Protein backbone atom coordinates (compact mmCIF):
# COMPACT_ATOMS: atom_id res chain seq x y z
CA MET A 1 19.29 11.59 7.80
CA ARG A 2 15.99 9.51 6.43
CA PRO A 3 12.88 9.75 8.02
CA HIS A 4 11.57 6.86 9.88
CA THR A 5 7.89 8.25 10.51
CA PRO A 6 5.55 7.89 7.44
CA GLU A 7 5.12 11.89 7.87
CA ALA A 8 8.82 12.91 7.58
CA LEU A 9 8.83 9.95 4.34
CA PHE A 10 6.22 12.09 2.68
CA ALA A 11 7.43 15.54 3.81
CA GLY A 12 10.10 14.97 1.55
CA TRP A 13 7.66 14.49 -2.20
CA PRO A 14 6.34 16.83 -3.41
CA GLN A 15 3.50 18.21 -1.96
CA GLY A 16 0.15 17.28 -3.81
CA ALA A 17 1.72 13.25 -3.63
CA ALA A 18 2.57 13.86 -0.47
CA GLU A 19 -1.16 14.79 0.93
CA LEU A 20 -2.54 11.64 -1.38
CA ALA A 21 -0.28 9.82 0.31
CA SER A 22 -1.91 11.21 3.74
CA ARG A 23 -5.06 10.47 2.38
CA LEU A 24 -4.44 6.93 1.29
CA ARG A 25 -2.19 5.77 4.32
CA ALA A 26 -5.90 6.87 6.05
CA VAL A 27 -6.88 4.56 4.02
CA VAL A 28 -5.45 1.99 5.25
CA LEU A 29 -4.96 2.14 8.61
CA GLU A 30 -8.71 2.97 8.89
CA SER A 31 -9.56 -0.94 6.31
CA CYS A 32 -6.60 -2.52 8.49
CA PRO A 33 -6.65 -1.34 12.02
CA ASP A 34 -4.72 -3.61 13.56
CA ALA A 35 -2.19 -3.79 10.10
CA THR A 36 2.26 -2.50 11.59
CA GLU A 37 3.17 0.55 9.74
CA ARG A 38 6.54 0.26 9.04
CA VAL A 39 8.99 3.17 6.67
CA TYR A 40 11.44 1.88 5.25
CA ARG A 41 14.16 3.87 3.93
CA GLY A 42 16.02 2.53 0.80
CA TRP A 43 12.76 1.99 -0.53
CA ASN A 44 11.60 5.40 0.26
CA ILE A 45 7.92 3.53 0.70
CA VAL A 46 5.52 2.60 3.84
CA GLY A 47 4.08 -0.59 3.59
CA TYR A 48 1.80 -2.73 5.55
CA SER A 49 2.48 -5.58 6.92
CA LEU A 50 -0.11 -8.22 9.84
CA ASP A 51 2.58 -8.62 12.25
CA LYS A 52 6.04 -7.35 13.98
CA HIS A 53 8.18 -9.37 11.18
CA PRO A 54 8.34 -6.01 8.75
CA THR A 55 8.56 -8.48 5.13
CA TRP A 56 6.14 -10.92 5.58
CA HIS A 57 2.90 -10.75 5.31
CA MET A 58 2.79 -7.24 4.26
CA PHE A 59 0.15 -6.49 2.24
CA CYS A 60 -0.02 -3.16 0.88
CA TYR A 61 2.85 -0.40 0.62
CA LEU A 62 3.07 3.05 -0.19
CA GLY A 63 5.74 4.71 -2.72
CA LEU A 64 6.27 7.78 -4.77
CA SER A 65 6.67 7.24 -8.95
CA LYS A 66 7.62 9.72 -11.00
CA GLY A 67 5.46 11.90 -8.85
CA LYS A 68 2.84 9.90 -8.62
CA VAL A 69 1.54 7.77 -5.44
CA ALA A 70 1.62 3.97 -5.91
CA LEU A 71 -0.60 2.00 -3.94
CA GLY A 72 1.24 -1.68 -4.22
CA PHE A 73 0.14 -4.93 -2.86
CA ASN A 74 2.28 -7.58 -2.60
CA GLU A 75 -0.21 -10.46 -3.74
CA GLY A 76 -2.10 -7.82 -6.11
CA VAL A 77 -2.46 -10.31 -9.20
CA VAL A 78 -5.05 -12.65 -6.18
CA LEU A 79 -7.38 -9.69 -5.51
CA PRO A 80 -10.00 -9.14 -6.79
CA ASP A 81 -9.61 -6.29 -9.62
CA PRO A 82 -13.40 -5.55 -11.52
CA GLN A 83 -12.49 -2.34 -12.51
CA LYS A 84 -9.17 -2.86 -13.73
CA LEU A 85 -7.62 -0.48 -11.80
CA LEU A 86 -3.88 -3.11 -10.98
CA ARG A 87 -0.79 -2.80 -13.17
CA GLY A 88 2.37 -4.60 -12.96
CA ARG A 89 4.22 -7.19 -14.68
CA ALA A 90 5.40 -9.18 -11.58
CA LYS A 91 4.51 -12.71 -11.31
CA ARG A 92 2.43 -11.76 -7.96
CA ALA A 93 2.94 -8.08 -7.19
CA ARG A 94 1.03 -5.17 -8.92
CA SER A 95 0.37 -1.21 -8.14
CA LEU A 96 -2.13 0.99 -9.69
CA LEU A 97 -0.58 4.27 -9.90
CA LEU A 98 -2.76 7.66 -8.52
CA LYS A 99 -2.40 12.02 -9.28
CA PRO A 100 -1.63 13.64 -7.39
CA ASP A 101 -5.54 15.82 -7.92
CA GLU A 102 -7.44 11.93 -8.12
CA PRO A 103 -9.91 10.78 -5.78
CA ILE A 104 -9.81 8.14 -4.30
CA HIS A 105 -12.47 5.14 -4.64
CA GLU A 106 -14.94 2.60 -3.40
CA ALA A 107 -13.17 0.33 -5.35
CA VAL A 108 -9.06 1.37 -3.60
CA HIS A 109 -11.01 0.64 -0.15
CA GLU A 110 -12.03 -2.19 -1.35
CA LEU A 111 -8.48 -3.42 -2.86
CA VAL A 112 -7.31 -2.37 0.71
CA THR A 113 -9.48 -4.89 2.50
CA ALA A 114 -9.17 -7.99 0.09
CA ALA A 115 -5.07 -7.63 0.02
CA TYR A 116 -5.72 -7.47 4.24
CA HIS A 117 -8.06 -11.20 4.17
CA TYR A 118 -5.88 -12.45 1.80
CA ALA A 119 -2.36 -11.76 4.35
CA LEU A 120 -5.28 -13.38 6.85
CA PHE A 121 -5.62 -16.09 4.85
CA GLN A 122 -2.00 -16.56 4.10
CA ARG A 123 -1.03 -16.12 7.58
CA GLU A 124 -2.54 -19.34 9.45
CA GLY A 125 -1.65 -21.68 6.69
CA ARG A 126 -4.67 -21.45 4.06
CA GLY A 127 -3.26 -19.92 1.13
CA GLY A 128 -0.12 -19.25 -1.31
């Protein structure tokens, strides 16, 4: 059976990656307390959006990629990234990959907060 909760999803990941994903999840929920959290079983990710419509206004997600945890941003191309943490070649999406033993730097918190605020801006009809 496929997982319905973030905890169940992360339980199927390697231990170090699961622990890091749980810490990143805490960063997202702390930075964006009114975010809607949803497991996308087909994509094997946890997505965070502004409202109950799961894919509209999704501003970030957590996934597993080659033993690393991906913190992805659907509108990453517009985010301030002075430390050049974000990677990607898609038109708008960007992500960063963290190894299980890497610390979560303040710049990660700032990216999550910026993504959240940009999604709010878009939802109000002034962006994108």
